[in-house]
């Protein structure tokens, strides 16, 4: 690692300690306290809505997926080969 690269690596990392404080002060000076509060409120609302929608989609996906069971031809009382039964309807295996 060259000397230039060794000097740049710490500069490209995440802010630590007092750097966050300086960034917060600059943000308050640029945007003002009320605007930052509004941005935080909007971000929180967006995250909450996203979580609710993803939970609803996964719940809908679980309820929409039919349970697949395998039925033996003898148990079904049929002379056909064993069929895959999905939600009470049988599907021939050759289709």
PDB file of N, CA and C in Angstrom:
ATOM      1  N   UNK A   1       0.851  -1.170   0.000  1.00  0.00           N
ATOM      2  CA  UNK A   1       0.000   0.000   0.000  1.00  0.00           C
ATOM      3  C   UNK A   1       0.895   1.230   0.000  1.00  0.00           C
ATOM      4  N   UNK A   2       0.643   2.121  -0.921  1.00  0.00           N
ATOM      5  CA  UNK A   2       1.477   3.315  -1.001  1.00  0.00           C
ATOM      6  C   UNK A   2       1.091   4.299   0.096  1.00  0.00           C
ATOM      7  N   UNK A   3       1.916   5.299   0.292  1.00  0.00           N
ATOM      8  CA  UNK A   3       1.679   6.307   1.320  1.00  0.00           C
ATOM      9  C   UNK A   3       0.412   7.101   1.035  1.00  0.00           C
ATOM     10  N   UNK A   4       0.151   7.429  -0.243  1.00  0.00           N
ATOM     11  CA  UNK A   4      -1.058   8.175  -0.602  1.00  0.00           C
ATOM     12  C   UNK A   4      -2.316   7.373  -0.278  1.00  0.00           C
ATOM     13  N   UNK A   5      -2.310   6.087  -0.596  1.00  0.00           N
ATOM     14  CA  UNK A   5      -3.452   5.233  -0.325  1.00  0.00           C
ATOM     15  C   UNK A   5      -3.660   5.093   1.176  1.00  0.00           C
ATOM     16  N   UNK A   6      -2.592   4.966   1.928  1.00  0.00           N
ATOM     17  CA  UNK A   6      -2.693   4.844   3.385  1.00  0.00           C
ATOM     18  C   UNK A   6      -3.294   6.093   4.001  1.00  0.00           C
ATOM     19  N   UNK A   7      -3.059   7.239   3.409  1.00  0.00           N
ATOM     20  CA  UNK A   7      -3.623   8.483   3.937  1.00  0.00           C
ATOM     21  C   UNK A   7      -5.087   8.665   3.547  1.00  0.00           C
ATOM     22  N   UNK A   8      -5.513   8.124   2.389  1.00  0.00           N
ATOM     23  CA  UNK A   8      -6.883   8.284   1.920  1.00  0.00           C
ATOM     24  C   UNK A   8      -7.864   7.313   2.564  1.00  0.00           C
ATOM     25  N   UNK A   9      -7.411   6.147   2.977  1.00  0.00           N
ATOM     26  CA  UNK A   9      -8.314   5.133   3.523  1.00  0.00           C
ATOM     27  C   UNK A   9      -9.095   5.659   4.723  1.00  0.00           C
ATOM     28  N   UNK A  10      -8.480   6.316   5.706  1.00  0.00           N
ATOM     29  CA  UNK A  10      -9.264   6.833   6.822  1.00  0.00           C
ATOM     30  C   UNK A  10     -10.242   7.933   6.399  1.00  0.00           C
ATOM     31  N   UNK A  11      -9.943   8.663   5.359  1.00  0.00           N
ATOM     32  CA  UNK A  11     -10.817   9.739   4.907  1.00  0.00           C
ATOM     33  C   UNK A  11     -12.083   9.216   4.244  1.00  0.00           C
ATOM     34  N   UNK A  12     -12.059   8.008   3.694  1.00  0.00           N
ATOM     35  CA  UNK A  12     -13.193   7.462   2.975  1.00  0.00           C
ATOM     36  C   UNK A  12     -14.109   6.606   3.845  1.00  0.00           C
ATOM     37  N   UNK A  13     -13.791   6.424   5.119  1.00  0.00           N
ATOM     38  CA  UNK A  13     -14.597   5.600   6.010  1.00  0.00           C
ATOM     39  C   UNK A  13     -15.843   6.333   6.493  1.00  0.00           C
ATOM     40  N   UNK A  14     -16.624   5.654   7.323  1.00  0.00           N
ATOM     41  CA  UNK A  14     -17.830   6.242   7.905  1.00  0.00           C
ATOM     42  C   UNK A  14     -17.442   7.277   8.962  1.00  0.00           C
ATOM     43  N   UNK A  15     -18.267   8.314   9.121  1.00  0.00           N
ATOM     44  CA  UNK A  15     -17.991   9.309  10.163  1.00  0.00           C
ATOM     45  C   UNK A  15     -18.074   8.667  11.550  1.00  0.00           C
ATOM     46  N   UNK A  16     -17.242   9.140  12.456  1.00  0.00           N
ATOM     47  CA  UNK A  16     -17.216   8.615  13.811  1.00  0.00           C
ATOM     48  C   UNK A  16     -17.207   9.765  14.804  1.00  0.00           C
ATOM     49  N   UNK A  17     -17.783   9.549  15.962  1.00  0.00           N
ATOM     50  CA  UNK A  17     -17.710  10.478  17.088  1.00  0.00           C
ATOM     51  C   UNK A  17     -18.124  11.896  16.757  1.00  0.00           C
ATOM     52  N   UNK A  18     -17.159  12.805  16.894  1.00  0.00           N
ATOM     53  CA  UNK A  18     -17.433  14.234  16.705  1.00  0.00           C
ATOM     54  C   UNK A  18     -17.828  14.585  15.281  1.00  0.00           C
ATOM     55  N   UNK A  19     -17.454  13.758  14.327  1.00  0.00           N
ATOM     56  CA  UNK A  19     -17.828  14.029  12.931  1.00  0.00           C
ATOM     57  C   UNK A  19     -19.347  14.029  12.766  1.00  0.00           C
ATOM     58  N   UNK A  20     -20.050  13.132  13.489  1.00  0.00           N
ATOM     59  CA  UNK A  20     -21.522  13.113  13.443  1.00  0.00           C
ATOM     60  C   UNK A  20     -22.098  14.393  14.042  1.00  0.00           C
ATOM     61  N   UNK A  21     -21.478  14.879  15.103  1.00  0.00           N
ATOM     62  CA  UNK A  21     -21.949  16.114  15.734  1.00  0.00           C
ATOM     63  C   UNK A  21     -21.796  17.282  14.772  1.00  0.00           C
ATOM     64  N   UNK A  22     -20.666  17.348  14.103  1.00  0.00           N
ATOM     65  CA  UNK A  22     -20.429  18.429  13.133  1.00  0.00           C
ATOM     66  C   UNK A  22     -21.433  18.328  11.989  1.00  0.00           C
ATOM     67  N   UNK A  23     -21.686  17.124  11.501  1.00  0.00           N
ATOM     68  CA  UNK A  23     -22.667  16.948  10.427  1.00  0.00           C
ATOM     69  C   UNK A  23     -24.067  17.358  10.876  1.00  0.00           C
ATOM     70  N   UNK A  24     -24.434  17.040  12.109  1.00  0.00           N
ATOM     71  CA  UNK A  24     -25.751  17.426  12.625  1.00  0.00           C
ATOM     72  C   UNK A  24     -25.875  18.942  12.730  1.00  0.00           C
ATOM     73  N   UNK A  25     -24.837  19.604  13.194  1.00  0.00           N
ATOM     74  CA  UNK A  25     -24.866  21.064  13.305  1.00  0.00           C
ATOM     75  C   UNK A  25     -24.987  21.702  11.926  1.00  0.00           C
ATOM     76  N   UNK A  26     -24.243  21.209  10.953  1.00  0.00           N
ATOM     77  CA  UNK A  26     -24.320  21.735   9.589  1.00  0.00           C
ATOM     78  C   UNK A  26     -25.715  21.524   9.022  1.00  0.00           C
ATOM     79  N   UNK A  27     -26.307  20.357   9.269  1.00  0.00           N
ATOM     80  CA  UNK A  27     -27.656  20.081   8.765  1.00  0.00           C
ATOM     81  C   UNK A  27     -28.677  21.027   9.379  1.00  0.00           C
ATOM     82  N   UNK A  28     -28.574  21.287  10.677  1.00  0.00           N
ATOM     83  CA  UNK A  28     -29.505  22.210  11.344  1.00  0.00           C
ATOM     84  C   UNK A  28     -29.330  23.616  10.785  1.00  0.00           C
ATOM     85  N   UNK A  29     -28.097  24.022  10.544  1.00  0.00           N
ATOM     86  CA  UNK A  29     -27.862  25.361  10.001  1.00  0.00           C
ATOM     87  C   UNK A  29     -28.386  25.491   8.576  1.00  0.00           C
ATOM     88  N   UNK A  30     -28.251  24.449   7.784  1.00  0.00           N
ATOM     89  CA  UNK A  30     -28.703  24.517   6.403  1.00  0.00           C
ATOM     90  C   UNK A  30     -30.222  24.429   6.277  1.00  0.00           C
ATOM     91  N   UNK A  31     -30.844  23.487   6.989  1.00  0.00           N
ATOM     92  CA  UNK A  31     -32.262  23.220   6.786  1.00  0.00           C
ATOM     93  C   UNK A  31     -33.171  23.789   7.865  1.00  0.00           C
ATOM     94  N   UNK A  32     -32.671  24.025   9.036  1.00  0.00           N
ATOM     95  CA  UNK A  32     -33.509  24.495  10.131  1.00  0.00           C
ATOM     96  C   UNK A  32     -34.130  23.328  10.878  1.00  0.00           C
ATOM     97  N   UNK A  33     -34.446  23.560  12.139  1.00  0.00           N
ATOM     98  CA  UNK A  33     -34.964  22.498  12.996  1.00  0.00           C
ATOM     99  C   UNK A  33     -36.322  21.974  12.572  1.00  0.00           C
ATOM    100  N   UNK A  34     -37.225  22.861  12.164  1.00  0.00           N
ATOM    101  CA  UNK A  34     -38.579  22.417  11.815  1.00  0.00           C
ATOM    102  C   UNK A  34     -38.582  21.578  10.534  1.00  0.00           C
ATOM    103  N   UNK A  35     -37.774  21.978   9.572  1.00  0.00           N
ATOM    104  CA  UNK A  35     -37.716  21.201   8.329  1.00  0.00           C
ATOM    105  C   UNK A  35     -37.103  19.832   8.582  1.00  0.00           C
ATOM    106  N   UNK A  36     -36.062  19.750   9.423  1.00  0.00           N
ATOM    107  CA  UNK A  36     -35.461  18.459   9.745  1.00  0.00           C
ATOM    108  C   UNK A  36     -36.450  17.565  10.501  1.00  0.00           C
ATOM    109  N   UNK A  37     -37.260  18.172  11.380  1.00  0.00           N
ATOM    110  CA  UNK A  37     -38.270  17.390  12.096  1.00  0.00           C
ATOM    111  C   UNK A  37     -39.307  16.838  11.122  1.00  0.00           C
ATOM    112  N   UNK A  38     -39.712  17.654  10.155  1.00  0.00           N
ATOM    113  CA  UNK A  38     -40.663  17.205   9.139  1.00  0.00           C
ATOM    114  C   UNK A  38     -40.093  16.091   8.283  1.00  0.00           C
ATOM    115  N   UNK A  39     -38.817  16.190   7.945  1.00  0.00           N
ATOM    116  CA  UNK A  39     -38.155  15.151   7.154  1.00  0.00           C
ATOM    117  C   UNK A  39     -38.105  13.852   7.948  1.00  0.00           C
ATOM    118  N   UNK A  40     -37.789  13.942   9.229  1.00  0.00           N
ATOM    119  CA  UNK A  40     -37.754  12.749  10.082  1.00  0.00           C
ATOM    120  C   UNK A  40     -39.123  12.110  10.215  1.00  0.00           C
ATOM    121  N   UNK A  41     -40.148  12.939  10.369  1.00  0.00           N
ATOM    122  CA  UNK A  41     -41.517  12.429  10.484  1.00  0.00           C
ATOM    123  C   UNK A  41     -41.943  11.735   9.189  1.00  0.00           C
ATOM    124  N   UNK A  42     -41.627  12.338   8.068  1.00  0.00           N
ATOM    125  CA  UNK A  42     -41.971  11.741   6.773  1.00  0.00           C
ATOM    126  C   UNK A  42     -41.234  10.426   6.548  1.00  0.00           C
ATOM    127  N   UNK A  43     -39.971  10.384   6.928  1.00  0.00           N
ATOM    128  CA  UNK A  43     -39.191   9.154   6.771  1.00  0.00           C
ATOM    129  C   UNK A  43     -39.762   8.047   7.655  1.00  0.00           C
ATOM    130  N   UNK A  44     -40.138   8.381   8.876  1.00  0.00           N
ATOM    131  CA  UNK A  44     -40.733   7.393   9.773  1.00  0.00           C
ATOM    132  C   UNK A  44     -42.047   6.866   9.242  1.00  0.00           C
ATOM    133  N   UNK A  45     -42.872   7.753   8.699  1.00  0.00           N
ATOM    134  CA  UNK A  45     -44.158   7.345   8.128  1.00  0.00           C
ATOM    135  C   UNK A  45     -43.942   6.437   6.920  1.00  0.00           C
ATOM    136  N   UNK A  46     -42.974   6.772   6.083  1.00  0.00           N
ATOM    137  CA  UNK A  46     -42.691   5.961   4.899  1.00  0.00           C
ATOM    138  C   UNK A  46     -42.208   4.567   5.289  1.00  0.00           C
ATOM    139  N   UNK A  47     -41.355   4.489   6.292  1.00  0.00           N
ATOM    140  CA  UNK A  47     -40.859   3.186   6.745  1.00  0.00           C
ATOM    141  C   UNK A  47     -41.997   2.358   7.316  1.00  0.00           C
ATOM    142  N   UNK A  48     -42.874   2.989   8.115  1.00  0.00           N
ATOM    143  CA  UNK A  48     -44.007   2.270   8.706  1.00  0.00           C
ATOM    144  C   UNK A  48     -44.951   1.747   7.618  1.00  0.00           C
ATOM    145  N   UNK A  49     -45.258   2.572   6.621  1.00  0.00           N
ATOM    146  CA  UNK A  49     -46.128   2.144   5.518  1.00  0.00           C
ATOM    147  C   UNK A  49     -45.492   1.009   4.725  1.00  0.00           C
ATOM    148  N   UNK A  50     -44.193   1.089   4.508  1.00  0.00           N
ATOM    149  CA  UNK A  50     -43.494   0.035   3.778  1.00  0.00           C
ATOM    150  C   UNK A  50     -43.590  -1.287   4.527  1.00  0.00           C
ATOM    151  N   UNK A  51     -43.372  -1.269   5.851  1.00  0.00           N
ATOM    152  CA  UNK A  51     -43.462  -2.486   6.651  1.00  0.00           C
ATOM    153  C   UNK A  51     -44.876  -3.059   6.617  1.00  0.00           C
ATOM    154  N   UNK A  52     -45.889  -2.193   6.722  1.00  0.00           N
ATOM    155  CA  UNK A  52     -47.279  -2.655   6.681  1.00  0.00           C
ATOM    156  C   UNK A  52     -47.609  -3.303   5.341  1.00  0.00           C
ATOM    157  N   UNK A  53     -47.170  -2.695   4.257  1.00  0.00           N
ATOM    158  CA  UNK A  53     -47.456  -3.238   2.930  1.00  0.00           C
ATOM    159  C   UNK A  53     -46.735  -4.564   2.689  1.00  0.00           C
ATOM    160  N   UNK A  54     -45.467  -4.660   3.111  1.00  0.00           N
ATOM    161  CA  UNK A  54     -44.752  -5.920   2.921  1.00  0.00           C
ATOM    162  C   UNK A  54     -45.379  -7.027   3.761  1.00  0.00           C
ATOM    163  N   UNK A  55     -45.860  -6.700   4.956  1.00  0.00           N
ATOM    164  CA  UNK A  55     -46.538  -7.706   5.785  1.00  0.00           C
ATOM    165  C   UNK A  55     -47.844  -8.137   5.125  1.00  0.00           C
ATOM    166  N   UNK A  56     -48.588  -7.185   4.551  1.00  0.00           N
ATOM    167  CA  UNK A  56     -49.848  -7.512   3.881  1.00  0.00           C
ATOM    168  C   UNK A  56     -49.614  -8.373   2.648  1.00  0.00           C
ATOM    169  N   UNK A  57     -48.575  -8.062   1.893  1.00  0.00           N
ATOM    170  CA  UNK A  57     -48.277  -8.834   0.687  1.00  0.00           C
ATOM    171  C   UNK A  57     -47.863 -10.253   1.056  1.00  0.00           C
ATOM    172  N   UNK A  58     -47.022 -10.407   2.082  1.00  0.00           N
ATOM    173  CA  UNK A  58     -46.596 -11.750   2.470  1.00  0.00           C
ATOM    174  C   UNK A  58     -47.769 -12.542   3.039  1.00  0.00           C
ATOM    175  N   UNK A  59     -48.668 -11.885   3.770  1.00  0.00           N
ATOM    176  CA  UNK A  59     -49.855 -12.563   4.300  1.00  0.00           C
ATOM    177  C   UNK A  59     -50.775 -12.985   3.156  1.00  0.00           C
ATOM    178  N   UNK A  60     -50.939 -12.105   2.172  1.00  0.00           N
ATOM    179  CA  UNK A  60     -51.768 -12.411   1.008  1.00  0.00           C
ATOM    180  C   UNK A  60     -51.165 -13.553   0.209  1.00  0.00           C
ATOM    181  N   UNK A  61     -49.853 -13.550   0.077  1.00  0.00           N
ATOM    182  CA  UNK A  61     -49.162 -14.585  -0.673  1.00  0.00           C
ATOM    183  C   UNK A  61     -49.328 -15.939   0.015  1.00  0.00           C
ATOM    184  N   UNK A  62     -49.256 -15.966   1.349  1.00  0.00           N
ATOM    185  CA  UNK A  62     -49.428 -17.208   2.093  1.00  0.00           C
ATOM    186  C   UNK A  62     -50.847 -17.742   1.956  1.00  0.00           C
ATOM    187  N   UNK A  63     -51.839 -16.854   1.994  1.00  0.00           N
ATOM    188  CA  UNK A  63     -53.224 -17.305   1.906  1.00  0.00           C
ATOM    189  C   UNK A  63     -53.605 -17.688   0.474  1.00  0.00           C
ATOM    190  N   UNK A  64     -52.921 -17.134  -0.522  1.00  0.00           N
ATOM    191  CA  UNK A  64     -53.234 -17.435  -1.917  1.00  0.00           C
ATOM    192  C   UNK A  64     -52.581 -18.728  -2.394  1.00  0.00           C
ATOM    193  N   UNK A  65     -51.536 -19.171  -1.705  1.00  0.00           N
ATOM    194  CA  UNK A  65     -50.847 -20.387  -2.102  1.00  0.00           C
ATOM    195  C   UNK A  65     -51.646 -21.586  -1.625  1.00  0.00           C
ATOM    196  N   UNK A  66     -52.193 -22.404  -2.551  1.00  0.00           N
ATOM    197  CA  UNK A  66     -52.978 -23.566  -2.137  1.00  0.00           C
ATOM    198  C   UNK A  66     -52.077 -24.650  -1.565  1.00  0.00           C
ATOM    199  N   UNK A  67     -52.636 -25.400  -0.645  1.00  0.00           N
ATOM    200  CA  UNK A  67     -51.890 -26.498  -0.060  1.00  0.00           C
ATOM    201  C   UNK A  67     -51.927 -27.672  -1.033  1.00  0.00           C
ATOM    202  N   UNK A  68     -50.775 -28.211  -1.360  1.00  0.00           N
ATOM    203  CA  UNK A  68     -50.673 -29.309  -2.310  1.00  0.00           C
ATOM    204  C   UNK A  68     -50.481 -30.593  -1.516  1.00  0.00           C
ATOM    205  N   UNK A  69     -51.361 -31.569  -1.763  1.00  0.00           N
ATOM    206  CA  UNK A  69     -51.240 -32.865  -1.103  1.00  0.00           C
ATOM    207  C   UNK A  69     -51.220 -33.957  -2.150  1.00  0.00           C
ATOM    208  N   UNK A  70     -50.563 -35.052  -1.847  1.00  0.00           N
ATOM    209  CA  UNK A  70     -50.503 -36.193  -2.754  1.00  0.00           C
ATOM    210  C   UNK A  70     -51.496 -37.240  -2.256  1.00  0.00           C
ATOM    211  N   UNK A  71     -52.345 -37.742  -3.141  1.00  0.00           N
ATOM    212  CA  UNK A  71     -53.354 -38.724  -2.792  1.00  0.00           C
ATOM    213  C   UNK A  71     -53.053 -40.008  -3.551  1.00  0.00           C
ATOM    214  N   UNK A  72     -53.065 -41.109  -2.842  1.00  0.00           N
ATOM    215  CA  UNK A  72     -52.861 -42.410  -3.465  1.00  0.00           C
ATOM    216  C   UNK A  72     -54.123 -42.775  -4.239  1.00  0.00           C
ATOM    217  N   UNK A  73     -53.985 -43.434  -5.381  1.00  0.00           N
ATOM    218  CA  UNK A  73     -55.126 -43.776  -6.234  1.00  0.00           C
ATOM    219  C   UNK A  73     -56.093 -44.708  -5.508  1.00  0.00           C
ATOM    220  N   UNK A  74     -55.577 -45.612  -4.691  1.00  0.00           N
ATOM    221  CA  UNK A  74     -56.438 -46.529  -3.959  1.00  0.00           C
ATOM    222  C   UNK A  74     -57.264 -45.793  -2.917  1.00  0.00           C
ATOM    223  N   UNK A  75     -56.660 -44.807  -2.239  1.00  0.00           N
ATOM    224  CA  UNK A  75     -57.378 -44.025  -1.233  1.00  0.00           C
ATOM    225  C   UNK A  75     -58.467 -43.182  -1.866  1.00  0.00           C
ATOM    226  N   UNK A  76     -58.217 -42.687  -3.073  1.00  0.00           N
ATOM    227  CA  UNK A  76     -59.174 -41.824  -3.750  1.00  0.00           C
ATOM    228  C   UNK A  76     -60.307 -42.636  -4.354  1.00  0.00           C
ATOM    229  N   UNK A  77     -60.171 -43.961  -4.434  1.00  0.00           N
ATOM    230  CA  UNK A  77     -61.204 -44.797  -5.021  1.00  0.00           C
ATOM    231  C   UNK A  77     -61.249 -44.673  -6.523  1.00  0.00           C
ATOM    232  N   UNK A  78     -60.130 -44.359  -7.128  1.00  0.00           N
ATOM    233  CA  UNK A  78     -60.064 -44.143  -8.564  1.00  0.00           C
ATOM    234  C   UNK A  78     -59.224 -45.236  -9.192  1.00  0.00           C
ATOM    235  N   UNK A  79     -59.455 -45.474 -10.466  1.00  0.00           N
ATOM    236  CA  UNK A  79     -58.654 -46.447 -11.197  1.00  0.00           C
ATOM    237  C   UNK A  79     -57.489 -45.773 -11.896  1.00  0.00           C
ATOM    238  N   UNK A  80     -57.415 -44.431 -11.804  1.00  0.00           N
ATOM    239  CA  UNK A  80     -56.317 -43.687 -12.432  1.00  0.00           C
ATOM    240  C   UNK A  80     -55.068 -43.788 -11.570  1.00  0.00           C
ATOM    241  N   UNK A  81     -53.950 -43.312 -12.127  1.00  0.00           N
ATOM    242  CA  UNK A  81     -52.716 -43.225 -11.354  1.00  0.00           C
ATOM    243  C   UNK A  81     -52.898 -42.184 -10.257  1.00  0.00           C
ATOM    244  N   UNK A  82     -51.931 -42.139  -9.348  1.00  0.00           N
ATOM    245  CA  UNK A  82     -51.997 -41.166  -8.258  1.00  0.00           C
ATOM    246  C   UNK A  82     -51.969 -39.758  -8.840  1.00  0.00           C
ATOM    247  N   UNK A  83     -52.881 -38.930  -8.381  1.00  0.00           N
ATOM    248  CA  UNK A  83     -52.987 -37.555  -8.853  1.00  0.00           C
ATOM    249  C   UNK A  83     -52.500 -36.608  -7.773  1.00  0.00           C
ATOM    250  N   UNK A  84     -52.159 -35.409  -8.196  1.00  0.00           N
ATOM    251  CA  UNK A  84     -51.853 -34.350  -7.259  1.00  0.00           C
ATOM    252  C   UNK A  84     -53.128 -33.556  -7.058  1.00  0.00           C
ATOM    253  N   UNK A  85     -53.550 -33.425  -5.830  1.00  0.00           N
ATOM    254  CA  UNK A  85     -54.800 -32.745  -5.533  1.00  0.00           C
ATOM    255  C   UNK A  85     -54.467 -31.364  -4.986  1.00  0.00           C
ATOM    256  N   UNK A  86     -55.047 -30.347  -5.624  1.00  0.00           N
ATOM    257  CA  UNK A  86     -54.838 -28.983  -5.196  1.00  0.00           C
ATOM    258  C   UNK A  86     -56.189 -28.341  -4.961  1.00  0.00           C
ATOM    259  N   UNK A  87     -56.446 -27.957  -3.740  1.00  0.00           N
ATOM    260  CA  UNK A  87     -57.682 -27.285  -3.361  1.00  0.00           C
ATOM    261  C   UNK A  87     -58.912 -28.066  -3.790  1.00  0.00           C
ATOM    262  N   UNK A  88     -58.880 -29.376  -3.654  1.00  0.00           N
ATOM    263  CA  UNK A  88     -60.048 -30.188  -3.934  1.00  0.00           C
ATOM    264  C   UNK A  88     -60.235 -30.579  -5.384  1.00  0.00           C
ATOM    265  N   UNK A  89     -59.382 -30.149  -6.276  1.00  0.00           N
ATOM    266  CA  UNK A  89     -59.494 -30.539  -7.682  1.00  0.00           C
ATOM    267  C   UNK A  89     -58.315 -31.411  -8.037  1.00  0.00           C
ATOM    268  N   UNK A  90     -58.551 -32.425  -8.849  1.00  0.00           N
ATOM    269  CA  UNK A  90     -57.455 -33.307  -9.227  1.00  0.00           C
ATOM    270  C   UNK A  90     -56.924 -32.939 -10.590  1.00  0.00           C
ATOM    271  N   UNK A  91     -55.637 -33.088 -10.760  1.00  0.00           N
ATOM    272  CA  UNK A  91     -54.966 -32.777 -12.004  1.00  0.00           C
ATOM    273  C   UNK A  91     -54.288 -34.042 -12.499  1.00  0.00           C
ATOM    274  N   UNK A  92     -54.589 -34.511 -13.700  1.00  0.00           N
ATOM    275  CA  UNK A  92     -53.914 -35.698 -14.220  1.00  0.00           C
ATOM    276  C   UNK A  92     -52.418 -35.467 -14.295  1.00  0.00           C
ATOM    277  N   UNK A  93     -51.647 -36.507 -14.058  1.00  0.00           N
ATOM    278  CA  UNK A  93     -50.187 -36.363 -14.057  1.00  0.00           C
ATOM    279  C   UNK A  93     -49.616 -36.204 -15.454  1.00  0.00           C
ATOM    280  N   UNK A  94     -50.352 -36.539 -16.487  1.00  0.00           N
ATOM    281  CA  UNK A  94     -49.837 -36.441 -17.850  1.00  0.00           C
ATOM    282  C   UNK A  94     -50.031 -35.076 -18.475  1.00  0.00           C
ATOM    283  N   UNK A  95     -50.590 -34.122 -17.757  1.00  0.00           N
ATOM    284  CA  UNK A  95     -50.873 -32.801 -18.338  1.00  0.00           C
ATOM    285  C   UNK A  95     -49.732 -31.877 -18.126  1.00  0.00           C
TER     286      UNK A  95
END
